[in-house]
N, C-alpha and C. Protein backbone atom coordinates (compact mmCIF):
# COMPACT_ATOMS: atom_id res chain seq x y z
N MET A 1 110.44 171.31 -101.24
CA MET A 1 111.30 171.56 -100.19
C MET A 1 110.79 172.78 -99.38
N GLU A 2 110.82 172.52 -98.06
CA GLU A 2 110.33 173.57 -97.13
C GLU A 2 111.33 174.58 -96.88
N GLN A 3 110.90 175.84 -96.82
CA GLN A 3 111.83 176.94 -96.52
C GLN A 3 111.80 177.36 -95.10
N THR A 4 112.84 177.51 -94.47
CA THR A 4 112.76 177.92 -93.02
C THR A 4 112.69 179.39 -93.07
N GLN A 5 111.95 179.83 -92.11
CA GLN A 5 111.78 181.33 -92.06
C GLN A 5 112.46 181.71 -90.68
N LYS A 6 113.16 182.94 -90.73
CA LYS A 6 113.66 183.45 -89.56
C LYS A 6 112.52 184.09 -88.70
N LYS A 7 112.62 183.85 -87.48
CA LYS A 7 111.68 184.39 -86.59
C LYS A 7 111.98 185.84 -86.29
N LYS A 8 111.05 186.71 -86.47
CA LYS A 8 111.40 188.14 -86.25
C LYS A 8 111.32 188.39 -84.72
N THR A 9 112.34 189.00 -84.25
CA THR A 9 112.31 189.30 -82.83
C THR A 9 112.47 190.88 -82.67
N SER A 10 111.73 191.41 -81.70
CA SER A 10 111.87 192.83 -81.53
C SER A 10 112.88 193.09 -80.29
N LYS A 11 113.46 194.19 -80.33
CA LYS A 11 114.42 194.44 -79.22
C LYS A 11 113.57 194.68 -77.99
N PRO A 12 113.86 193.97 -76.94
CA PRO A 12 112.98 194.18 -75.71
C PRO A 12 113.19 195.50 -75.02
N TYR A 13 114.19 196.27 -75.30
CA TYR A 13 114.42 197.41 -74.63
C TYR A 13 114.36 198.67 -75.55
N SER A 14 113.70 199.67 -75.13
CA SER A 14 113.58 200.90 -75.95
C SER A 14 114.90 201.63 -76.07
N PRO A 15 115.19 202.46 -77.03
CA PRO A 15 116.38 203.27 -77.07
C PRO A 15 116.53 204.17 -75.85
N GLU A 16 115.30 204.66 -75.43
CA GLU A 16 115.27 205.54 -74.26
C GLU A 16 115.84 204.74 -72.99
N PHE A 17 115.32 203.54 -72.83
CA PHE A 17 115.71 202.77 -71.72
C PHE A 17 117.25 202.47 -71.77
N ARG A 18 117.73 202.08 -73.00
CA ARG A 18 119.23 201.90 -73.09
C ARG A 18 120.01 203.07 -72.82
N GLU A 19 119.53 204.32 -73.26
CA GLU A 19 120.32 205.47 -73.05
C GLU A 19 120.24 205.83 -71.47
N ARG A 20 119.25 205.56 -70.76
CA ARG A 20 119.11 205.79 -69.40
C ARG A 20 120.01 204.94 -68.59
N ALA A 21 120.05 203.60 -69.02
CA ALA A 21 120.80 202.66 -68.33
C ALA A 21 122.30 202.94 -68.51
N VAL A 22 122.68 203.29 -69.65
CA VAL A 22 124.19 203.68 -69.85
C VAL A 22 124.59 204.84 -69.16
N ARG A 23 123.59 205.84 -69.15
CA ARG A 23 123.85 207.08 -68.48
C ARG A 23 124.05 206.80 -66.88
N LEU A 24 123.21 205.91 -66.40
CA LEU A 24 123.24 205.45 -64.97
C LEU A 24 124.65 204.84 -64.68
N LEU A 25 125.00 203.98 -65.65
CA LEU A 25 126.28 203.25 -65.50
C LEU A 25 127.44 204.20 -65.37
N MET A 26 127.46 205.15 -66.48
CA MET A 26 128.54 206.20 -66.47
C MET A 26 128.64 207.10 -65.22
N GLU A 27 127.48 207.48 -64.74
CA GLU A 27 127.40 208.31 -63.53
C GLU A 27 127.84 207.71 -62.32
N HIS A 28 127.56 206.46 -62.13
CA HIS A 28 127.85 205.65 -60.96
C HIS A 28 128.89 204.60 -61.03
N ARG A 29 129.61 204.52 -62.02
CA ARG A 29 130.66 203.44 -62.10
C ARG A 29 131.74 203.62 -61.07
N ASP A 30 132.08 204.91 -60.73
CA ASP A 30 133.14 205.05 -59.75
C ASP A 30 132.75 204.68 -58.31
N GLU A 31 131.47 204.45 -58.03
CA GLU A 31 131.00 203.92 -56.75
C GLU A 31 131.13 202.51 -56.46
N TYR A 32 131.73 201.80 -57.53
CA TYR A 32 131.88 200.30 -57.36
C TYR A 32 133.35 199.96 -57.51
N GLN A 33 133.70 198.82 -56.95
CA GLN A 33 135.08 198.32 -57.00
C GLN A 33 135.67 198.17 -58.48
N SER A 34 134.69 197.62 -59.25
CA SER A 34 135.13 197.32 -60.71
C SER A 34 133.95 197.63 -61.58
N GLU A 35 134.27 197.64 -62.95
CA GLU A 35 133.16 197.86 -63.93
C GLU A 35 132.18 196.68 -63.83
N ALA A 36 132.75 195.50 -63.71
CA ALA A 36 131.79 194.33 -63.59
C ALA A 36 130.85 194.46 -62.49
N ALA A 37 131.35 194.89 -61.28
CA ALA A 37 130.51 195.10 -60.17
C ALA A 37 129.34 196.10 -60.45
N ALA A 38 129.73 197.19 -61.14
CA ALA A 38 128.86 198.28 -61.43
C ALA A 38 127.83 197.73 -62.43
N LEU A 39 128.24 197.02 -63.55
CA LEU A 39 127.44 196.43 -64.43
C LEU A 39 126.35 195.43 -63.82
N THR A 40 126.87 194.61 -62.98
CA THR A 40 125.96 193.69 -62.28
C THR A 40 124.86 194.33 -61.46
N ALA A 41 125.31 195.34 -60.61
CA ALA A 41 124.44 196.06 -59.73
C ALA A 41 123.45 196.87 -60.35
N ILE A 42 123.90 197.67 -61.30
CA ILE A 42 122.97 198.55 -62.06
C ILE A 42 121.98 197.84 -63.05
N ALA A 43 122.62 196.71 -63.70
CA ALA A 43 121.66 196.02 -64.56
C ALA A 43 120.60 195.22 -63.66
N GLY A 44 120.99 194.76 -62.50
CA GLY A 44 120.09 194.14 -61.59
C GLY A 44 118.94 195.08 -61.13
N LYS A 45 119.26 196.30 -60.92
CA LYS A 45 118.21 197.22 -60.37
C LYS A 45 117.28 197.59 -61.58
N LEU A 46 117.82 197.63 -62.86
CA LEU A 46 117.03 197.95 -64.01
C LEU A 46 116.25 196.75 -64.60
N GLY A 47 116.69 195.54 -64.28
CA GLY A 47 115.96 194.33 -64.78
C GLY A 47 116.50 193.95 -66.18
N CYS A 48 117.75 194.24 -66.49
CA CYS A 48 118.41 193.73 -67.71
C CYS A 48 119.58 192.99 -67.34
N SER A 49 120.23 192.33 -68.37
CA SER A 49 121.42 191.53 -68.03
C SER A 49 122.66 192.44 -68.01
N PRO A 50 123.67 192.14 -67.18
CA PRO A 50 124.89 192.95 -67.23
C PRO A 50 125.59 192.95 -68.59
N ASP A 51 125.41 191.76 -69.36
CA ASP A 51 126.05 191.79 -70.60
C ASP A 51 125.35 192.75 -71.61
N SER A 52 124.10 192.87 -71.53
CA SER A 52 123.42 193.77 -72.42
C SER A 52 123.86 195.22 -72.16
N LEU A 53 123.89 195.53 -70.83
CA LEU A 53 124.30 196.87 -70.37
C LEU A 53 125.72 197.20 -70.84
N ARG A 54 126.67 196.10 -70.72
CA ARG A 54 128.00 196.37 -71.21
C ARG A 54 128.07 196.57 -72.75
N VAL A 55 127.29 195.83 -73.49
CA VAL A 55 127.31 195.97 -74.92
C VAL A 55 126.80 197.39 -75.23
N TRP A 56 125.72 197.88 -74.66
CA TRP A 56 125.20 199.22 -74.91
C TRP A 56 126.14 200.27 -74.54
N ALA A 57 126.92 200.10 -73.42
CA ALA A 57 127.83 201.05 -72.94
C ALA A 57 129.06 201.08 -74.05
N ARG A 58 129.55 199.99 -74.39
CA ARG A 58 130.59 199.90 -75.37
C ARG A 58 130.23 200.59 -76.76
N GLN A 59 128.91 200.43 -77.17
CA GLN A 59 128.58 201.10 -78.27
C GLN A 59 128.40 202.67 -78.18
N VAL A 60 128.04 203.00 -77.09
CA VAL A 60 127.96 204.54 -76.81
C VAL A 60 129.43 205.05 -76.78
N GLN A 61 130.38 204.18 -76.23
CA GLN A 61 131.80 204.74 -76.24
C GLN A 61 132.35 204.72 -77.75
N ARG A 62 132.08 203.82 -78.46
CA ARG A 62 132.40 203.68 -79.90
C ARG A 62 131.90 204.94 -80.65
N ASP A 63 130.62 205.22 -80.39
CA ASP A 63 129.84 206.27 -81.14
C ASP A 63 130.48 207.62 -80.69
N GLY A 64 130.99 207.73 -79.43
CA GLY A 64 131.62 208.97 -78.99
C GLY A 64 133.10 209.07 -79.26
N GLY A 65 133.65 208.18 -79.92
CA GLY A 65 135.07 208.10 -80.35
C GLY A 65 135.99 207.74 -79.16
N GLU A 66 135.49 207.17 -78.22
CA GLU A 66 136.28 206.70 -77.08
C GLU A 66 136.88 205.40 -77.26
N ARG A 67 136.32 204.59 -78.18
CA ARG A 67 136.82 203.28 -78.45
C ARG A 67 137.08 203.13 -80.09
N PRO A 68 138.07 202.32 -80.44
CA PRO A 68 138.49 202.40 -81.89
C PRO A 68 137.56 201.65 -82.82
N GLU A 69 136.62 200.86 -82.45
CA GLU A 69 135.76 200.03 -83.20
C GLU A 69 134.82 200.92 -84.00
N PRO A 70 134.13 200.34 -84.98
CA PRO A 70 133.36 201.20 -85.82
C PRO A 70 131.99 201.66 -85.01
N THR A 71 131.66 202.86 -85.46
CA THR A 71 130.55 203.49 -84.80
C THR A 71 129.21 202.88 -85.32
N SER A 72 128.08 203.29 -84.66
CA SER A 72 126.76 202.74 -85.31
C SER A 72 126.60 203.03 -86.68
N ALA A 73 126.91 204.31 -87.04
CA ALA A 73 126.75 204.85 -88.42
C ALA A 73 127.59 203.92 -89.35
N GLU A 74 128.86 203.81 -89.00
CA GLU A 74 129.71 203.05 -89.88
C GLU A 74 129.33 201.64 -89.97
N LYS A 75 128.77 201.06 -88.94
CA LYS A 75 128.22 199.62 -88.99
C LYS A 75 127.05 199.55 -89.93
N ALA A 76 126.17 200.59 -89.94
CA ALA A 76 125.05 200.58 -90.71
C ALA A 76 125.48 200.76 -92.22
N ARG A 77 126.52 201.51 -92.49
CA ARG A 77 126.98 201.81 -93.88
C ARG A 77 127.67 200.51 -94.34
N ILE A 78 128.42 199.73 -93.55
CA ILE A 78 129.05 198.61 -93.87
C ILE A 78 128.03 197.60 -94.32
N LYS A 79 126.96 197.51 -93.43
CA LYS A 79 125.90 196.55 -93.73
C LYS A 79 125.20 196.81 -95.07
N GLU A 80 124.96 198.08 -95.31
CA GLU A 80 124.35 198.56 -96.58
C GLU A 80 125.30 198.15 -97.81
N LEU A 81 126.58 198.46 -97.65
CA LEU A 81 127.50 198.13 -98.69
C LEU A 81 127.50 196.63 -98.98
N GLU A 82 127.60 195.73 -97.93
CA GLU A 82 127.65 194.42 -98.05
C GLU A 82 126.32 193.85 -98.81
N ARG A 83 125.26 194.48 -98.47
CA ARG A 83 123.98 194.08 -99.15
C ARG A 83 123.99 194.53 -100.55
N GLU A 84 124.55 195.68 -100.83
CA GLU A 84 124.64 196.14 -102.20
C GLU A 84 125.61 195.27 -103.03
N ASN A 85 126.78 194.87 -102.47
CA ASN A 85 127.74 194.04 -103.04
C ASN A 85 127.10 192.70 -103.34
N ARG A 86 126.31 192.10 -102.41
CA ARG A 86 125.71 190.82 -102.70
C ARG A 86 124.79 190.89 -103.85
N GLU A 87 123.91 191.94 -104.01
CA GLU A 87 123.08 192.15 -105.13
C GLU A 87 123.75 192.33 -106.33
N LEU A 88 124.86 193.09 -106.45
CA LEU A 88 125.59 193.21 -107.62
C LEU A 88 126.34 191.87 -108.08
N ARG A 89 126.68 191.08 -107.09
CA ARG A 89 127.30 189.76 -107.45
C ARG A 89 126.12 188.84 -108.04
N GLN A 90 124.99 188.93 -107.48
CA GLN A 90 123.90 188.14 -108.03
C GLN A 90 123.52 188.57 -109.45
N ALA A 91 123.53 189.95 -109.70
CA ALA A 91 123.19 190.45 -110.94
C ALA A 91 124.34 190.01 -111.93
N ASN A 92 125.51 190.04 -111.68
CA ASN A 92 126.58 189.64 -112.43
C ASN A 92 126.50 188.16 -112.88
N GLU A 93 126.19 187.34 -111.86
CA GLU A 93 125.90 185.86 -112.13
C GLU A 93 124.75 185.66 -113.18
N ILE A 94 123.79 186.35 -112.99
CA ILE A 94 122.59 186.29 -113.93
C ILE A 94 123.10 186.67 -115.35
N LEU A 95 123.78 187.79 -115.41
CA LEU A 95 124.21 188.33 -116.67
C LEU A 95 125.22 187.35 -117.37
N ARG A 96 126.11 186.72 -116.57
CA ARG A 96 127.08 185.77 -117.07
C ARG A 96 126.32 184.55 -117.67
N LYS A 97 125.27 184.05 -116.91
CA LYS A 97 124.60 182.91 -117.39
C LYS A 97 123.85 183.25 -118.65
N ALA A 98 123.18 184.47 -118.65
CA ALA A 98 122.46 184.80 -119.81
C ALA A 98 123.37 184.94 -121.07
N SER A 99 124.54 185.56 -120.82
CA SER A 99 125.49 185.69 -121.89
C SER A 99 125.89 184.37 -122.47
N ALA A 100 126.24 183.32 -121.56
CA ALA A 100 126.62 182.06 -122.08
C ALA A 100 125.48 181.36 -122.80
N TYR A 101 124.29 181.48 -122.31
CA TYR A 101 123.08 180.94 -122.91
C TYR A 101 122.90 181.55 -124.36
N PHE A 102 122.98 182.85 -124.54
CA PHE A 102 122.83 183.38 -125.86
C PHE A 102 123.99 183.08 -126.79
N ALA A 103 125.27 183.02 -126.23
CA ALA A 103 126.47 182.69 -127.01
C ALA A 103 126.28 181.23 -127.52
N GLN A 104 125.80 180.32 -126.68
CA GLN A 104 125.55 178.86 -127.13
C GLN A 104 124.50 178.87 -128.22
N ALA A 105 123.33 179.69 -128.00
CA ALA A 105 122.32 179.70 -128.95
C ALA A 105 122.84 180.24 -130.37
N GLU A 106 123.66 181.20 -130.29
CA GLU A 106 124.26 181.59 -131.54
C GLU A 106 125.10 180.55 -132.21
N LEU A 107 125.84 179.81 -131.47
CA LEU A 107 126.65 178.77 -132.03
C LEU A 107 125.70 177.66 -132.60
N ASP A 108 124.58 177.38 -131.96
CA ASP A 108 123.84 176.35 -132.46
C ASP A 108 122.89 176.67 -133.72
N ARG A 109 122.84 177.95 -133.96
CA ARG A 109 122.05 178.38 -135.08
C ARG A 109 122.73 178.00 -136.31
N PRO A 110 121.76 177.55 -137.38
CA PRO A 110 122.41 177.17 -138.59
C PRO A 110 123.16 178.21 -139.31
N PHE A 111 124.26 177.89 -140.06
CA PHE A 111 125.06 178.93 -140.71
C PHE A 111 124.41 179.38 -142.02
N ARG A 112 124.33 180.61 -142.25
CA ARG A 112 123.68 181.22 -143.53
C ARG A 112 124.76 182.11 -144.24
N LYS A 113 124.65 182.03 -145.51
CA LYS A 113 125.57 182.85 -146.29
C LYS A 113 124.92 184.17 -146.70
């Protein structure tokens, strides 16, 4: 059976570029009729998509406590806890199977007095 491998993709924009783009958006947002207009204009000038810029700006707002969703640090911690939980579940499954195997082996052993 062939195993499919995930293609590793690197993030096309550096953290510095993202910070600069969000800063530009925050500084010039009031110059546009709407946030959507600001996102479209500024993203077009920077060469990124308006949706990417919106996502970066929302994350900065979350990290700054302006939005109620989890911060970047909280997201990283949740991801780490989910990984740890997955590993513990796998270890428990292995232990359960080993326990059942050895219990059956004990039952199959001839009885001695």
